[in-house]
N, C-alpha and C. Protein backbone atom coordinates (compact mmCIF):
# COMPACT_ATOMS: atom_id res chain seq x y z
N UNK A 1 1.00 -1.26 -0.04
CA UNK A 1 -0.31 0.13 0.07
C UNK A 1 1.07 1.34 0.12
N UNK A 2 2.08 1.00 0.97
CA UNK A 2 3.08 2.12 0.98
C UNK A 2 3.51 2.45 -0.39
N UNK A 3 4.00 1.28 -1.15
CA UNK A 3 4.55 1.70 -2.40
C UNK A 3 3.67 2.35 -3.77
N UNK A 4 2.43 1.96 -3.66
CA UNK A 4 1.26 2.43 -4.45
C UNK A 4 1.40 3.85 -4.10
N UNK A 5 1.05 4.51 -2.93
CA UNK A 5 1.01 5.26 -2.53
C UNK A 5 2.13 6.29 -2.91
N UNK A 6 3.86 5.97 -2.52
CA UNK A 6 4.44 6.76 -2.90
C UNK A 6 4.70 6.62 -4.51
N UNK A 7 4.12 5.65 -5.57
CA UNK A 7 4.19 6.06 -6.68
C UNK A 7 3.30 6.90 -7.05
N UNK A 8 2.06 6.81 -6.87
CA UNK A 8 1.03 8.08 -7.40
C UNK A 8 1.42 8.85 -6.72
N UNK A 9 2.23 9.25 -5.66
CA UNK A 9 2.82 10.81 -5.20
C UNK A 9 3.89 11.46 -6.06
N UNK A 10 4.60 10.29 -6.60
CA UNK A 10 5.78 10.66 -7.41
C UNK A 10 5.17 11.11 -8.96
N UNK A 11 4.22 10.46 -9.55
CA UNK A 11 3.13 10.40 -10.71
C UNK A 11 2.91 11.64 -10.52
N UNK A 12 2.56 12.38 -9.49
CA UNK A 12 1.81 13.86 -8.95
C UNK A 12 2.72 14.70 -9.18
N UNK A 13 3.58 14.73 -8.42
CA UNK A 13 5.04 15.80 -8.56
C UNK A 13 5.60 15.89 -9.67
N UNK A 14 5.59 14.58 -10.43
CA UNK A 14 6.23 14.95 -11.68
C UNK A 14 5.17 15.70 -12.96
N UNK A 15 3.76 15.23 -12.73
CA UNK A 15 3.07 16.27 -13.69
C UNK A 15 3.17 17.59 -13.13
N UNK A 16 3.42 18.10 -12.15
CA UNK A 16 3.78 19.45 -11.60
C UNK A 16 2.31 20.20 -11.71
N UNK A 17 2.27 21.31 -12.21
CA UNK A 17 0.89 22.00 -12.13
C UNK A 17 -0.11 21.48 -12.97
N UNK A 18 0.27 20.54 -14.01
CA UNK A 18 -0.99 19.93 -14.53
C UNK A 18 -1.64 18.50 -13.76
N UNK A 19 -1.41 17.85 -12.74
CA UNK A 19 -2.09 17.47 -11.85
C UNK A 19 -3.46 17.92 -11.31
N UNK A 20 -3.34 19.33 -10.45
CA UNK A 20 -4.34 19.82 -9.86
C UNK A 20 -5.55 20.21 -10.96
N UNK A 21 -4.73 20.66 -12.32
CA UNK A 21 -6.28 20.80 -13.56
C UNK A 21 -6.72 19.85 -13.77
N UNK A 22 -6.08 18.47 -13.85
CA UNK A 22 -6.38 17.16 -14.08
C UNK A 22 -7.82 16.90 -13.28
N UNK A 23 -7.14 16.85 -11.75
CA UNK A 23 -8.11 16.88 -10.65
C UNK A 23 -9.59 17.43 -11.00
N UNK A 24 -9.45 18.88 -11.28
CA UNK A 24 -10.64 20.03 -10.91
C UNK A 24 -11.38 19.37 -12.13
N UNK A 25 -10.36 18.96 -13.19
CA UNK A 25 -11.44 18.42 -14.55
C UNK A 25 -11.94 17.19 -14.61
N UNK A 26 -11.46 16.02 -13.68
CA UNK A 26 -11.94 14.94 -13.17
C UNK A 26 -13.45 15.07 -12.58
N UNK A 27 -13.33 16.10 -11.60
CA UNK A 27 -14.49 16.63 -10.99
C UNK A 27 -15.84 16.82 -11.64
N UNK A 28 -15.33 17.92 -13.08
CA UNK A 28 -16.28 18.33 -13.92
C UNK A 28 -16.94 16.73 -15.00
N UNK A 29 -15.83 15.76 -15.10
CA UNK A 29 -16.75 14.57 -16.02
C UNK A 29 -17.16 13.60 -14.87
N UNK A 30 -16.98 14.13 -13.15
CA UNK A 30 -17.52 12.56 -12.59
C UNK A 30 -18.57 12.27 -12.81
N UNK A 31 -20.18 13.05 -13.32
CA UNK A 31 -20.85 12.66 -13.27
C UNK A 31 -21.30 11.35 -14.70
N UNK A 32 -20.37 11.71 -15.50
CA UNK A 32 -20.11 10.85 -16.31
C UNK A 32 -19.85 9.49 -16.40
N UNK A 33 -18.69 9.51 -15.01
CA UNK A 33 -17.89 8.21 -15.07
C UNK A 33 -18.62 7.65 -13.57
N UNK A 34 -19.91 8.49 -13.12
CA UNK A 34 -20.71 7.40 -12.29
C UNK A 34 -19.45 7.79 -11.11
N UNK A 35 -18.40 8.54 -10.76
CA UNK A 35 -17.77 8.35 -9.61
C UNK A 35 -18.57 9.37 -8.56
N UNK A 36 -18.57 8.61 -7.53
CA UNK A 36 -19.50 9.29 -6.03
C UNK A 36 -18.34 10.62 -5.66
N UNK A 37 -18.69 11.93 -5.23
CA UNK A 37 -18.33 12.89 -4.86
C UNK A 37 -17.54 12.55 -3.53
N UNK A 38 -17.71 11.48 -2.89
CA UNK A 38 -17.19 11.06 -1.88
C UNK A 38 -15.90 10.21 -1.86
N UNK A 39 -15.96 9.88 -2.76
CA UNK A 39 -14.41 8.77 -3.10
C UNK A 39 -13.48 9.96 -4.01
N UNK A 40 -13.88 11.08 -4.94
CA UNK A 40 -13.32 11.85 -5.58
C UNK A 40 -12.73 12.89 -4.39
N UNK A 41 -13.08 13.15 -3.39
CA UNK A 41 -12.60 14.18 -2.58
C UNK A 41 -11.73 13.28 -1.81
N UNK A 42 -12.30 12.06 -1.21
CA UNK A 42 -11.17 11.38 -0.69
C UNK A 42 -9.89 11.41 -1.56
N UNK A 43 -9.92 10.79 -2.48
CA UNK A 43 -8.53 10.62 -3.76
C UNK A 43 -7.82 11.98 -3.34
N UNK A 44 -8.77 13.20 -3.36
CA UNK A 44 -7.76 14.41 -3.30
C UNK A 44 -7.22 14.55 -1.93
N UNK A 45 -7.49 13.90 -1.06
CA UNK A 45 -6.89 14.04 0.46
C UNK A 45 -5.88 13.18 0.53
N UNK A 46 -5.68 12.10 -0.44
CA UNK A 46 -4.99 10.64 -0.36
C UNK A 46 -3.70 11.70 -1.60
N UNK A 47 -4.14 12.24 -2.33
CA UNK A 47 -3.03 12.33 -3.39
C UNK A 47 -2.07 13.82 -3.29
N UNK A 48 -2.99 14.83 -2.68
CA UNK A 48 -2.53 15.89 -2.67
C UNK A 48 -2.51 16.53 -1.23
N UNK A 49 -2.90 15.89 -0.22
CA UNK A 49 -2.95 16.17 1.17
C UNK A 49 -4.17 16.62 1.44
N UNK A 50 -4.13 17.41 2.72
CA UNK A 50 -5.58 17.72 3.09
C UNK A 50 -5.70 19.17 2.71
N UNK A 51 -4.64 20.20 2.59
CA UNK A 51 -5.33 21.47 2.22
C UNK A 51 -5.29 21.39 0.96
N UNK A 52 -4.65 21.20 -0.08
CA UNK A 52 -4.66 21.19 -1.21
C UNK A 52 -5.77 20.34 -1.92
N UNK A 53 -6.16 19.41 -1.57
CA UNK A 53 -7.14 18.49 -1.69
C UNK A 53 -8.31 18.97 -1.42
N UNK A 54 -8.73 19.52 -0.60
CA UNK A 54 -9.66 20.35 -0.11
C UNK A 54 -10.43 21.55 -1.11
N UNK A 55 -8.97 21.92 -1.04
CA UNK A 55 -9.19 23.46 -2.09
C UNK A 55 -9.45 23.09 -3.46
N UNK A 56 -8.86 21.76 -3.98
CA UNK A 56 -9.02 21.65 -5.20
C UNK A 56 -10.53 20.77 -5.70
N UNK A 57 -11.02 20.33 -4.47
CA UNK A 57 -12.31 19.41 -4.50
C UNK A 57 -13.46 20.62 -4.58
N UNK A 58 -13.13 21.69 -3.73
CA UNK A 58 -14.31 22.61 -3.75
C UNK A 58 -13.74 23.41 -5.18
N UNK A 59 -12.79 23.96 -5.65
CA UNK A 59 -12.96 24.64 -6.93
C UNK A 59 -13.85 23.49 -7.89
N UNK A 60 -13.06 22.23 -8.05
CA UNK A 60 -13.72 21.48 -9.32
C UNK A 60 -15.52 20.89 -8.51
N UNK A 61 -15.82 21.55 -7.58
CA UNK A 61 -17.62 20.83 -6.82
C UNK A 61 -18.30 22.24 -7.56
N UNK A 62 -17.66 23.39 -7.21
CA UNK A 62 -18.02 24.86 -7.73
C UNK A 62 -18.20 25.09 -9.21
N UNK A 63 -17.34 24.87 -9.70
CA UNK A 63 -16.99 24.69 -11.33
C UNK A 63 -18.46 23.61 -12.09
N UNK A 64 -18.53 22.55 -11.35
CA UNK A 64 -19.29 21.66 -11.98
C UNK A 64 -20.80 22.14 -11.20
N UNK A 65 -21.19 22.80 -10.07
CA UNK A 65 -22.59 23.33 -9.84
C UNK A 65 -22.47 24.79 -11.13
N UNK A 66 -21.69 25.27 -11.39
CA UNK A 66 -21.84 26.56 -12.03
C UNK A 66 -22.01 25.90 -13.50
N UNK A 67 -21.97 24.81 -13.83
CA UNK A 67 -21.94 24.34 -15.40
C UNK A 67 -23.30 23.82 -14.84
N UNK A 68 -23.53 23.19 -14.05
CA UNK A 68 -24.71 21.95 -14.19
C UNK A 68 -26.54 23.48 -13.98
N UNK A 69 -26.18 24.57 -13.30
CA UNK A 69 -26.92 25.88 -13.06
C UNK A 69 -26.96 26.29 -14.96
N UNK A 70 -25.91 26.22 -15.77
CA UNK A 70 -26.45 26.97 -17.17
C UNK A 70 -26.63 25.85 -17.63
N UNK A 71 -26.56 24.29 -17.76
CA UNK A 71 -27.17 23.43 -18.48
C UNK A 71 -28.89 23.31 -18.39
N UNK A 72 -29.02 23.52 -16.79
CA UNK A 72 -30.35 23.10 -16.95
C UNK A 72 -31.22 24.26 -17.42
N UNK A 73 -30.78 25.79 -17.37
CA UNK A 73 -31.25 26.61 -17.90
C UNK A 73 -31.50 26.52 -19.48
N UNK A 74 -30.55 26.02 -20.10
CA UNK A 74 -30.26 25.92 -21.47
C UNK A 74 -30.71 24.58 -22.03
N UNK A 75 -30.82 23.29 -21.23
CA UNK A 75 -31.63 22.41 -21.40
C UNK A 75 -32.41 22.01 -20.78
N UNK A 76 -33.90 22.24 -21.29
CA UNK A 76 -35.11 22.43 -20.36
C UNK A 76 -35.12 20.73 -20.03
N UNK A 77 -34.86 19.92 -20.83
CA UNK A 77 -35.25 18.60 -20.84
C UNK A 77 -34.37 17.75 -19.62
N UNK A 78 -33.19 18.36 -19.49
CA UNK A 78 -32.21 18.15 -18.13
C UNK A 78 -33.12 18.45 -16.88
N UNK A 79 -33.25 19.60 -16.94
CA UNK A 79 -34.50 20.02 -15.95
C UNK A 79 -35.56 18.93 -15.54
N UNK A 80 -36.06 18.65 -16.49
CA UNK A 80 -37.51 17.59 -16.33
C UNK A 80 -36.92 16.55 -16.14
N UNK A 81 -35.51 15.86 -16.46
CA UNK A 81 -35.31 14.54 -15.90
C UNK A 81 -34.62 14.68 -14.02
N UNK A 82 -34.29 15.50 -14.14
CA UNK A 82 -34.01 16.16 -12.77
C UNK A 82 -34.97 16.04 -11.65
N UNK A 83 -35.95 16.84 -12.12
CA UNK A 83 -37.43 16.95 -11.77
C UNK A 83 -38.06 15.67 -11.36
N UNK A 84 -37.68 15.22 -12.49
CA UNK A 84 -38.49 13.44 -11.97
C UNK A 84 -37.92 12.41 -11.19
N UNK A 85 -36.55 13.04 -11.17
CA UNK A 85 -35.91 12.15 -10.23
C UNK A 85 -36.05 12.38 -9.06
N UNK A 86 -36.14 13.75 -8.90
CA UNK A 86 -36.71 14.57 -7.34
C UNK A 86 -38.01 13.95 -7.01
N UNK A 87 -38.83 13.88 -7.54
CA UNK A 87 -40.11 13.61 -7.49
C UNK A 87 -40.26 12.04 -7.16
N UNK A 88 -39.51 11.09 -7.70
CA UNK A 88 -39.15 9.72 -7.41
C UNK A 88 -38.75 9.35 -5.96
N UNK A 89 -37.70 9.99 -5.44
CA UNK A 89 -36.74 10.02 -4.57
C UNK A 89 -37.57 10.83 -3.36
N UNK A 90 -38.22 11.96 -3.57
CA UNK A 90 -38.66 12.52 -2.48
C UNK A 90 -39.98 13.24 -2.39
N UNK A 91 -40.61 12.97 -3.41
CA UNK A 91 -42.02 13.09 -3.55
C UNK A 91 -41.95 15.23 -3.63
N UNK A 92 -43.08 15.45 -3.33
CA UNK A 92 -42.98 16.90 -3.38
C UNK A 92 -42.78 17.96 -2.29
N UNK A 93 -42.01 16.88 -1.44
CA UNK A 93 -41.07 17.35 -0.15
C UNK A 93 -40.36 18.87 -0.34
N UNK A 94 -40.87 19.91 0.72
CA UNK A 94 -40.05 21.17 0.29
C UNK A 94 -39.18 20.90 1.69
N UNK A 95 -37.83 21.72 1.22
CA UNK A 95 -36.71 21.44 2.29
C UNK A 95 -36.03 23.07 1.89
N UNK A 96 -35.28 23.07 3.15
CA UNK A 96 -35.04 24.33 3.60
C UNK A 96 -33.18 24.35 2.88
N UNK A 97 -33.08 25.50 3.01
CA UNK A 97 -31.60 25.93 2.58
C UNK A 97 -30.60 25.12 3.38
N UNK A 98 -31.06 25.08 5.12
CA UNK A 98 -30.48 24.29 5.96
C UNK A 98 -29.92 22.95 5.80
N UNK A 99 -31.76 22.44 4.81
CA UNK A 99 -31.65 20.92 4.98
C UNK A 99 -30.62 20.48 3.86
N UNK A 100 -30.80 21.30 2.88
CA UNK A 100 -30.06 20.88 1.54
C UNK A 100 -28.59 20.90 2.41
N UNK A 101 -28.03 22.02 3.35
CA UNK A 101 -26.57 21.94 3.32
C UNK A 101 -26.30 20.44 4.31
N UNK A 102 -27.04 20.09 4.95
CA UNK A 102 -26.97 18.83 5.63
C UNK A 102 -27.30 17.73 5.03
N UNK A 103 -28.07 17.70 3.84
CA UNK A 103 -27.84 16.52 3.06
C UNK A 103 -26.51 16.35 1.73
N UNK A 104 -25.77 17.60 1.88
CA UNK A 104 -24.56 17.62 1.25
C UNK A 104 -23.52 16.61 1.67
N UNK A 105 -23.74 16.61 3.16
CA UNK A 105 -22.60 15.55 3.88
C UNK A 105 -22.65 14.21 3.78
N UNK A 106 -24.02 13.97 3.23
CA UNK A 106 -24.54 12.38 3.36
C UNK A 106 -24.06 12.09 2.03
N UNK A 107 -23.53 10.92 1.69
CA UNK A 107 -22.50 10.42 0.97
C UNK A 107 -23.14 9.65 -0.37
N UNK A 108 -24.53 9.55 0.15
CA UNK A 108 -25.36 8.78 -0.89
C UNK A 108 -26.40 9.65 -1.51
N UNK A 109 -26.52 10.95 -1.25
CA UNK A 109 -27.43 12.23 -1.69
C UNK A 109 -26.68 12.37 -3.19
N UNK A 110 -27.47 12.44 -4.31
CA UNK A 110 -27.26 12.84 -5.59
C UNK A 110 -26.97 14.43 -5.64
N UNK A 111 -25.68 14.70 -6.25
CA UNK A 111 -25.16 16.01 -5.93
C UNK A 111 -25.97 16.98 -6.89
N UNK A 112 -26.66 16.56 -7.84
CA UNK A 112 -27.15 17.71 -8.79
C UNK A 112 -28.85 17.31 -8.45
N UNK A 113 -29.23 16.65 -7.81
CA UNK A 113 -30.48 16.67 -7.20
C UNK A 113 -30.79 17.74 -6.39
N UNK A 114 -29.87 17.65 -4.85
CA UNK A 114 -29.54 18.65 -4.05
C UNK A 114 -29.13 20.22 -4.97
N UNK A 115 -28.56 19.99 -6.29
CA UNK A 115 -28.10 21.32 -6.67
C UNK A 115 -29.68 22.15 -6.91
N UNK A 116 -30.65 21.25 -7.74
CA UNK A 116 -31.76 21.31 -8.40
C UNK A 116 -32.58 22.34 -7.08
N UNK A 117 -32.42 21.58 -5.82
CA UNK A 117 -33.25 21.94 -4.63
C UNK A 117 -32.62 23.56 -5.03
N UNK A 118 -31.23 24.05 -4.79
CA UNK A 118 -30.88 25.02 -4.86
C UNK A 118 -31.04 26.18 -6.04
N UNK A 119 -31.04 25.78 -7.00
CA UNK A 119 -32.24 26.38 -8.14
C UNK A 119 -33.25 26.75 -7.73
N UNK A 120 -33.73 25.67 -7.26
CA UNK A 120 -35.51 26.40 -6.90
C UNK A 120 -35.77 27.33 -5.98
N UNK A 121 -34.52 27.22 -4.97
CA UNK A 121 -34.87 27.91 -3.64
C UNK A 121 -34.26 29.55 -4.12
N UNK A 122 -33.19 29.67 -4.63
CA UNK A 122 -32.66 30.75 -5.13
C UNK A 122 -32.90 31.56 -6.46
N UNK A 123 -33.13 32.86 -6.12
CA UNK A 123 -33.43 33.81 -7.55
C UNK A 123 -32.26 34.31 -8.57
N UNK A 124 -31.05 33.99 -8.33
CA UNK A 124 -30.26 34.24 -9.41
C UNK A 124 -28.98 33.60 -9.24
N UNK A 125 -28.18 33.56 -10.41
CA UNK A 125 -26.92 33.06 -10.30
C UNK A 125 -26.20 33.06 -8.74
N UNK A 126 -26.08 34.76 -9.23
CA UNK A 126 -25.19 34.68 -7.89
C UNK A 126 -25.32 34.19 -6.32
N UNK A 127 -26.70 34.05 -5.93
CA UNK A 127 -27.27 33.66 -5.11
C UNK A 127 -27.07 31.88 -4.83
N UNK A 128 -27.40 31.42 -6.01
CA UNK A 128 -27.43 30.06 -6.06
C UNK A 128 -25.81 29.50 -6.00
N UNK A 129 -24.83 30.47 -6.34
CA UNK A 129 -23.62 29.68 -6.36
C UNK A 129 -23.23 30.19 -4.96
N UNK A 130 -23.74 31.43 -4.15
CA UNK A 130 -23.22 31.43 -2.51
C UNK A 130 -23.34 30.13 -1.96
N UNK A 131 -24.60 30.00 -2.14
CA UNK A 131 -25.24 28.75 -1.56
C UNK A 131 -24.68 27.26 -1.65
N UNK A 132 -24.42 27.42 -3.16
CA UNK A 132 -24.22 25.87 -3.58
C UNK A 132 -22.49 25.84 -3.08
N UNK A 133 -21.60 26.78 -2.94
CA UNK A 133 -20.10 26.69 -2.48
C UNK A 133 -20.38 26.47 -1.00
N UNK A 134 -21.04 27.55 -0.46
CA UNK A 134 -21.20 26.77 1.33
C UNK A 134 -21.77 25.36 1.42
N UNK A 135 -21.98 25.06 0.83
CA UNK A 135 -22.78 23.64 0.54
C UNK A 135 -22.06 22.52 0.70
N UNK A 136 -20.89 23.09 -0.16
CA UNK A 136 -20.07 22.36 -0.72
C UNK A 136 -18.47 22.18 0.13
N UNK A 137 -18.47 23.52 0.67
CA UNK A 137 -17.14 23.42 1.84
C UNK A 137 -16.85 22.22 3.12
N UNK A 138 -18.08 22.20 3.81
CA UNK A 138 -17.75 21.11 4.83
C UNK A 138 -17.84 20.01 4.17
N UNK A 139 -18.43 19.33 3.42
CA UNK A 139 -18.34 18.09 3.03
C UNK A 139 -17.02 17.63 2.05
N UNK A 140 -16.57 18.88 1.51
CA UNK A 140 -15.03 18.73 0.69
C UNK A 140 -14.01 18.56 2.03
N UNK A 141 -14.34 19.58 2.99
CA UNK A 141 -13.09 19.50 3.98
C UNK A 141 -13.28 17.76 4.67
N UNK A 142 -14.77 17.21 5.26
CA UNK A 142 -14.73 16.17 5.71
C UNK A 142 -14.10 14.98 4.98
N UNK A 143 -14.70 14.51 4.08
CA UNK A 143 -14.05 13.85 2.79
C UNK A 143 -12.82 13.89 2.70
N UNK A 144 -12.43 14.72 1.87
CA UNK A 144 -10.82 15.18 2.12
C UNK A 144 -9.96 14.88 3.31
N UNK A 145 -10.41 15.40 4.51
CA UNK A 145 -9.62 14.82 5.76
C UNK A 145 -9.60 13.17 5.95
N UNK A 146 -10.95 12.61 5.62
CA UNK A 146 -10.85 11.14 5.63
C UNK A 146 -9.92 10.50 4.82
N UNK A 147 -9.60 11.27 3.73
CA UNK A 147 -8.97 10.71 2.86
C UNK A 147 -7.50 10.50 2.88
N UNK A 148 -7.10 11.50 3.54
CA UNK A 148 -6.02 12.11 3.95
C UNK A 148 -5.48 10.90 5.19
N UNK A 149 -6.71 11.03 5.73
CA UNK A 149 -6.69 9.52 7.19
C UNK A 149 -6.31 8.30 7.02
N UNK A 150 -7.07 8.29 5.53
CA UNK A 150 -7.11 6.56 5.23
C UNK A 150 -5.09 6.76 4.77
N UNK A 151 -4.60 7.56 4.24
CA UNK A 151 -3.67 7.31 3.55
C UNK A 151 -2.47 7.39 4.73
N UNK A 152 -2.45 7.46 6.02
CA UNK A 152 -1.68 7.19 6.90
C UNK A 152 -1.88 6.39 7.83
N UNK A 153 -3.05 5.31 7.38
CA UNK A 153 -3.48 4.11 8.26
C UNK A 153 -2.23 3.00 7.85
N UNK A 154 -2.47 1.76 8.57
CA UNK A 154 -1.35 1.06 7.62
C UNK A 154 -2.35 0.41 6.79
N UNK A 155 -1.84 -0.61 5.97
CA UNK A 155 -2.61 -1.07 4.65
C UNK A 155 -3.97 -2.00 5.26
N UNK A 156 -3.47 -2.87 6.73
CA UNK A 156 -4.45 -3.66 6.90
C UNK A 156 -5.90 -2.54 7.26
N UNK A 157 -5.71 -2.13 8.30
CA UNK A 157 -6.63 -1.07 8.52
C UNK A 157 -7.34 -0.51 7.53
N UNK A 158 -6.76 0.28 6.79
CA UNK A 158 -7.31 0.79 5.37
C UNK A 158 -8.59 -0.29 4.95
N UNK A 159 -8.12 -1.49 4.94
CA UNK A 159 -8.74 -2.38 3.93
C UNK A 159 -9.93 -2.44 4.52
N UNK A 160 -9.92 -2.75 6.57
CA UNK A 160 -11.08 -3.01 6.88
C UNK A 160 -12.08 -1.77 6.91
N UNK A 161 -11.48 -0.69 6.81
CA UNK A 161 -12.13 0.52 7.13
C UNK A 161 -13.23 0.46 5.77
N UNK A 162 -12.21 0.23 4.61
CA UNK A 162 -13.06 0.50 3.31
C UNK A 162 -14.06 -1.10 3.09
N UNK A 163 -14.05 -1.88 3.89
CA UNK A 163 -14.73 -3.10 3.77
C UNK A 163 -15.79 -2.60 4.75
N UNK A 164 -16.08 -2.03 5.83
CA UNK A 164 -17.06 -1.32 6.87
C UNK A 164 -17.84 -0.71 5.94
N UNK A 165 -17.34 0.33 5.69
CA UNK A 165 -17.95 1.11 4.60
C UNK A 165 -18.87 0.78 3.59
N UNK A 166 -18.46 -0.30 2.94
CA UNK A 166 -18.90 -0.97 1.95
C UNK A 166 -20.13 -1.51 2.44
N UNK A 167 -20.14 -2.22 3.49
CA UNK A 167 -20.90 -3.00 4.27
C UNK A 167 -22.02 -1.74 4.51
N UNK A 168 -21.82 -0.87 5.38
CA UNK A 168 -22.63 0.25 5.50
C UNK A 168 -23.33 0.77 4.47
N UNK A 169 -22.60 1.03 3.27
CA UNK A 169 -23.61 1.55 2.25
C UNK A 169 -24.53 0.29 1.57
N UNK A 170 -23.77 -1.21 1.54
CA UNK A 170 -24.99 -2.00 1.14
C UNK A 170 -26.15 -2.24 1.89
N UNK A 171 -25.88 -2.15 3.19
CA UNK A 171 -26.90 -2.47 4.24
C UNK A 171 -27.81 -1.00 4.06
N UNK A 172 -27.36 -0.02 3.98
CA UNK A 172 -28.37 1.06 3.58
C UNK A 172 -29.23 1.06 2.40
N UNK A 173 -28.34 0.79 1.21
CA UNK A 173 -29.04 0.39 0.04
C UNK A 173 -30.20 -0.47 0.24
N UNK A 174 -29.98 -1.56 1.06
CA UNK A 174 -30.68 -2.63 1.07
C UNK A 174 -32.28 -2.22 1.56
N UNK A 175 -31.91 -1.54 2.86
CA UNK A 175 -32.85 -1.05 3.68
C UNK A 175 -33.86 0.21 3.37
N UNK A 176 -33.19 0.82 1.86
CA UNK A 176 -33.83 1.57 1.15
C UNK A 176 -34.85 0.93 0.30
N UNK A 177 -34.52 -0.02 -0.49
CA UNK A 177 -35.55 -0.72 -1.23
C UNK A 177 -36.61 -1.56 -0.62
N UNK A 178 -37.74 -1.06 -1.31
CA UNK A 178 -38.87 -1.59 -1.14
C UNK A 178 -39.00 -3.14 -1.19
N UNK A 179 -39.89 -3.79 -0.19
CA UNK A 179 -40.09 -5.27 0.00
C UNK A 179 -41.16 -5.32 -1.12
N UNK A 180 -40.69 -6.63 -1.97
CA UNK A 180 -41.88 -7.36 -3.02
C UNK A 180 -43.09 -7.07 -1.93
N UNK A 181 -44.21 -7.18 -3.20
CA UNK A 181 -45.15 -7.80 -2.37
C UNK A 181 -45.55 -8.96 -1.94
N UNK A 182 -46.07 -9.31 -0.70
CA UNK A 182 -46.55 -11.22 -0.40
C UNK A 182 -44.93 -11.20 0.33
N UNK A 183 -44.24 -10.50 0.89
CA UNK A 183 -42.99 -10.85 1.32
C UNK A 183 -42.74 -10.42 2.97
N UNK A 184 -43.98 -10.39 3.13
CA UNK A 184 -43.98 -9.66 4.83
C UNK A 184 -43.89 -11.12 5.41
N UNK A 185 -43.16 -10.99 6.83
CA UNK A 185 -43.25 -11.93 7.61
C UNK A 185 -44.54 -12.52 8.36
């Protein structure tokens, strides 16, 4: 594990100023690659350290939010698809800005679904970006710190932690799935 981490660190150092730019671009293409925000922020902490990893994640997620805002206003079909997803998952539930900020901390919440809530609650791009960046700060810091902490653990503890997180994720996914009819005990 240490040799892998050392190899990746040397590649990043050799890439120089290009590595942070590629990491930020990875945040922009993240939705197309189905990479969760949590994993990318953790990778930032692992590869760039806490401070720079968090900074690059905030920049990448902020640009991603800005692009999403523009796309929703340019392509109404995208707005309809995300709204349909919102109605399937949450119904017509109203949420406050504070709730959206807290929901951003949850790794299983759809990033753009929460961005849609922010778009619907705000009146301008400036206001949307203010709340979007404010909502991105804490998750970026927490997930990046977690990625940094994992990089400093012994390899066996890292594997155990990853297995536990995967187990919790699977358990949560199973508990959210509706039971088939007639399967009650």
